[in-house]
Every structure is written in structure tokens, then in C-alpha cells.
Amino acid sequence: MPYALFCNDAQISKAYPGEADVWKLAERSGLVVDVSADDERPGPRRVLDNDYEIRPCPAAQGEDPAQNKAEAERQSRTELNLNS
């Protein structure tokens, strides 16, 4: 099942093939933050900013999660080349 980024129960990203793909999108968008250690988990850990979550979702009609992933990777490479 594909995954997407949600905020307050509204889907705010395209569907992607895996949860890790959405984490990459969230990180590039500045939605991933580091939190300090607590009693249960030593060391810092990365979490989504307030009200954001990654959940499984059905792809919209005609949407191809694999194509969404490929487009996001192309865009990321283009941005890296422009910043070099």
C-alpha cells in the first residue's frame, strides 16, 4: 500500500510506494525535527513536526506512486545541481 504525508487528517502529499520515500520528502520540506532523548529512547531521534504524520493511503485514481517517487528524485537531483 502506498504512503503519504498528512496534516490534521488531510493528505498533503502525493502517494509514494513506501514510508521511507515520504520521510525523504518530509525531510527535504523541513518537516523533520530532532528531539532530545527520553527515558525510553536514549540519544536524539528524528520525528515529524507538529500535526504531521505519515500514513498508508490509497493512491488517487490514475496516480502512480512509483512515478511520484521518480519525479521527486529527479527534482531533488536538479535542486542539488543548481545549488552546486
C-alpha atoms as a PDB file:
ATOM      1  CA  MET A   1       0.000   0.000   0.000  1.00  0.00           C
ATOM      2  CA  PRO A   2       1.297   3.493  -0.779  1.00  0.00           C
ATOM      3  CA  TYR A   3       2.047   6.116   1.875  1.00  0.00           C
ATOM      4  CA  ALA A   4       1.552   9.883   2.015  1.00  0.00           C
ATOM      5  CA  LEU A   5       2.130  12.841   4.312  1.00  0.00           C
ATOM      6  CA  PHE A   6      -0.885  14.022   6.297  1.00  0.00           C
ATOM      7  CA  CYS A   7      -1.597  17.099   8.412  1.00  0.00           C
ATOM      8  CA  ASN A   8      -4.709  17.181  10.603  1.00  0.00           C
ATOM      9  CA  ASP A   9      -6.155  14.174   8.740  1.00  0.00           C
ATOM     10  CA  ALA A  10      -5.779  15.868   5.335  1.00  0.00           C
ATOM     11  CA  GLN A  11      -3.446  14.275   2.786  1.00  0.00           C
ATOM     12  CA  ILE A  12      -0.938  16.946   1.767  1.00  0.00           C
ATOM     13  CA  SER A  13       1.415  14.969  -0.469  1.00  0.00           C
ATOM     14  CA  LYS A  14       1.186  12.641  -3.390  1.00  0.00           C
ATOM     15  CA  ALA A  15       1.219   8.926  -2.671  1.00  0.00           C
ATOM     16  CA  TYR A  16       4.628   7.194  -2.675  1.00  0.00           C
ATOM     17  CA  PRO A  17       5.462   3.480  -2.779  1.00  0.00           C
ATOM     18  CA  GLY A  18       6.980   3.281   0.705  1.00  0.00           C
ATOM     19  CA  GLU A  19       7.056   5.040   4.043  1.00  0.00           C
ATOM     20  CA  ALA A  20      10.780   5.810   3.642  1.00  0.00           C
ATOM     21  CA  ASP A  21      10.020   7.755   0.452  1.00  0.00           C
ATOM     22  CA  VAL A  22       7.648  10.036   2.360  1.00  0.00           C
ATOM     23  CA  TRP A  23      10.228  10.528   5.142  1.00  0.00           C
ATOM     24  CA  LYS A  24      12.681  11.785   2.490  1.00  0.00           C
ATOM     25  CA  LEU A  25      10.053  14.195   1.155  1.00  0.00           C
ATOM     26  CA  ALA A  26       9.266  15.447   4.669  1.00  0.00           C
ATOM     27  CA  GLU A  27      12.954  15.960   5.413  1.00  0.00           C
ATOM     28  CA  ARG A  28      13.525  17.940   2.196  1.00  0.00           C
ATOM     29  CA  SER A  29      10.481  20.033   3.087  1.00  0.00           C
ATOM     30  CA  GLY A  30      11.853  20.875   6.539  1.00  0.00           C
ATOM     31  CA  LEU A  31       9.197  18.922   8.431  1.00  0.00           C
ATOM     32  CA  VAL A  32      11.559  16.587  10.297  1.00  0.00           C
ATOM     33  CA  VAL A  33      12.938  17.740  13.639  1.00  0.00           C
ATOM     34  CA  ASP A  34      15.348  16.276  16.181  1.00  0.00           C
ATOM     35  CA  VAL A  35      14.057  15.676  19.686  1.00  0.00           C
ATOM     36  CA  SER A  36      16.182  15.024  22.720  1.00  0.00           C
ATOM     37  CA  ALA A  37      16.447  11.721  24.475  1.00  0.00           C
ATOM     38  CA  ASP A  38      13.910  10.488  26.976  1.00  0.00           C
ATOM     39  CA  ASP A  39      13.877   7.592  29.417  1.00  0.00           C
ATOM     40  CA  GLU A  40      12.624   5.131  26.817  1.00  0.00           C
ATOM     41  CA  ARG A  41      14.945   6.079  23.937  1.00  0.00           C
ATOM     42  CA  PRO A  42      18.486   7.224  24.576  1.00  0.00           C
ATOM     43  CA  GLY A  43      20.029   9.749  22.199  1.00  0.00           C
ATOM     44  CA  PRO A  44      18.321  12.183  19.863  1.00  0.00           C
ATOM     45  CA  ARG A  45      15.731  10.933  17.413  1.00  0.00           C
ATOM     46  CA  ARG A  46      14.032  12.380  14.346  1.00  0.00           C
ATOM     47  CA  VAL A  47      10.298  12.955  14.298  1.00  0.00           C
ATOM     48  CA  LEU A  48       7.812  14.830  12.156  1.00  0.00           C
ATOM     49  CA  ASP A  49       6.972  18.384  13.166  1.00  0.00           C
ATOM     50  CA  ASN A  50       3.669  19.044  14.981  1.00  0.00           C
ATOM     51  CA  ASP A  51       0.469  17.740  13.398  1.00  0.00           C
ATOM     52  CA  TYR A  52       2.273  15.914  10.563  1.00  0.00           C
ATOM     53  CA  GLU A  53       2.214  12.164  10.153  1.00  0.00           C
ATOM     54  CA  ILE A  54       2.948   9.538   7.530  1.00  0.00           C
ATOM     55  CA  ARG A  55       0.166   7.049   6.922  1.00  0.00           C
ATOM     56  CA  PRO A  56      -0.769   4.390   4.416  1.00  0.00           C
ATOM     57  CA  CYS A  57      -3.295   5.594   1.875  1.00  0.00           C
ATOM     58  CA  PRO A  58      -4.803   4.502  -1.406  1.00  0.00           C
ATOM     59  CA  ALA A  59      -3.356   6.146  -4.491  1.00  0.00           C
ATOM     60  CA  ALA A  60      -5.697   8.579  -6.188  1.00  0.00           C
ATOM     61  CA  GLN A  61      -7.325   7.360  -9.370  1.00  0.00           C
ATOM     62  CA  GLY A  62      -4.732   7.475 -12.147  1.00  0.00           C
ATOM     63  CA  GLU A  63      -1.899   8.233  -9.708  1.00  0.00           C
ATOM     64  CA  ASP A  64       1.258   6.114  -9.882  1.00  0.00           C
ATOM     65  CA  PRO A  65       3.231   6.145  -6.601  1.00  0.00           C
ATOM     66  CA  ALA A  66       6.361   4.816  -8.351  1.00  0.00           C
ATOM     67  CA  GLN A  67       6.191   7.675 -10.863  1.00  0.00           C
ATOM     68  CA  ASN A  68       5.734  10.169  -7.994  1.00  0.00           C
ATOM     69  CA  LYS A  69       8.892   8.780  -6.386  1.00  0.00           C
ATOM     70  CA  ALA A  70      10.863   9.033  -9.639  1.00  0.00           C
ATOM     71  CA  GLU A  71       9.717  12.643 -10.157  1.00  0.00           C
ATOM     72  CA  ALA A  72      10.686  13.580  -6.581  1.00  0.00           C
ATOM     73  CA  GLU A  73      14.144  12.032  -7.058  1.00  0.00           C
ATOM     74  CA  ARG A  74      14.639  13.915 -10.342  1.00  0.00           C
ATOM     75  CA  GLN A  75      13.592  17.161  -8.700  1.00  0.00           C
ATOM     76  CA  SER A  76      15.945  16.538  -5.778  1.00  0.00           C
ATOM     77  CA  ARG A  77      18.880  15.913  -8.134  1.00  0.00           C
ATOM     78  CA  THR A  78      18.028  19.067 -10.095  1.00  0.00           C
ATOM     79  CA  GLU A  79      17.958  21.126  -6.887  1.00  0.00           C
ATOM     80  CA  LEU A  80      21.320  19.689  -5.840  1.00  0.00           C
ATOM     81  CA  ASN A  81      22.839  20.588  -9.215  1.00  0.00           C
ATOM     82  CA  LEU A  82      21.501  24.136  -9.023  1.00  0.00           C
ATOM     83  CA  ASN A  83      22.972  24.620  -5.536  1.00  0.00           C
ATOM     84  CA  SER A  84      26.429  23.361  -6.553  1.00  0.00           C
END
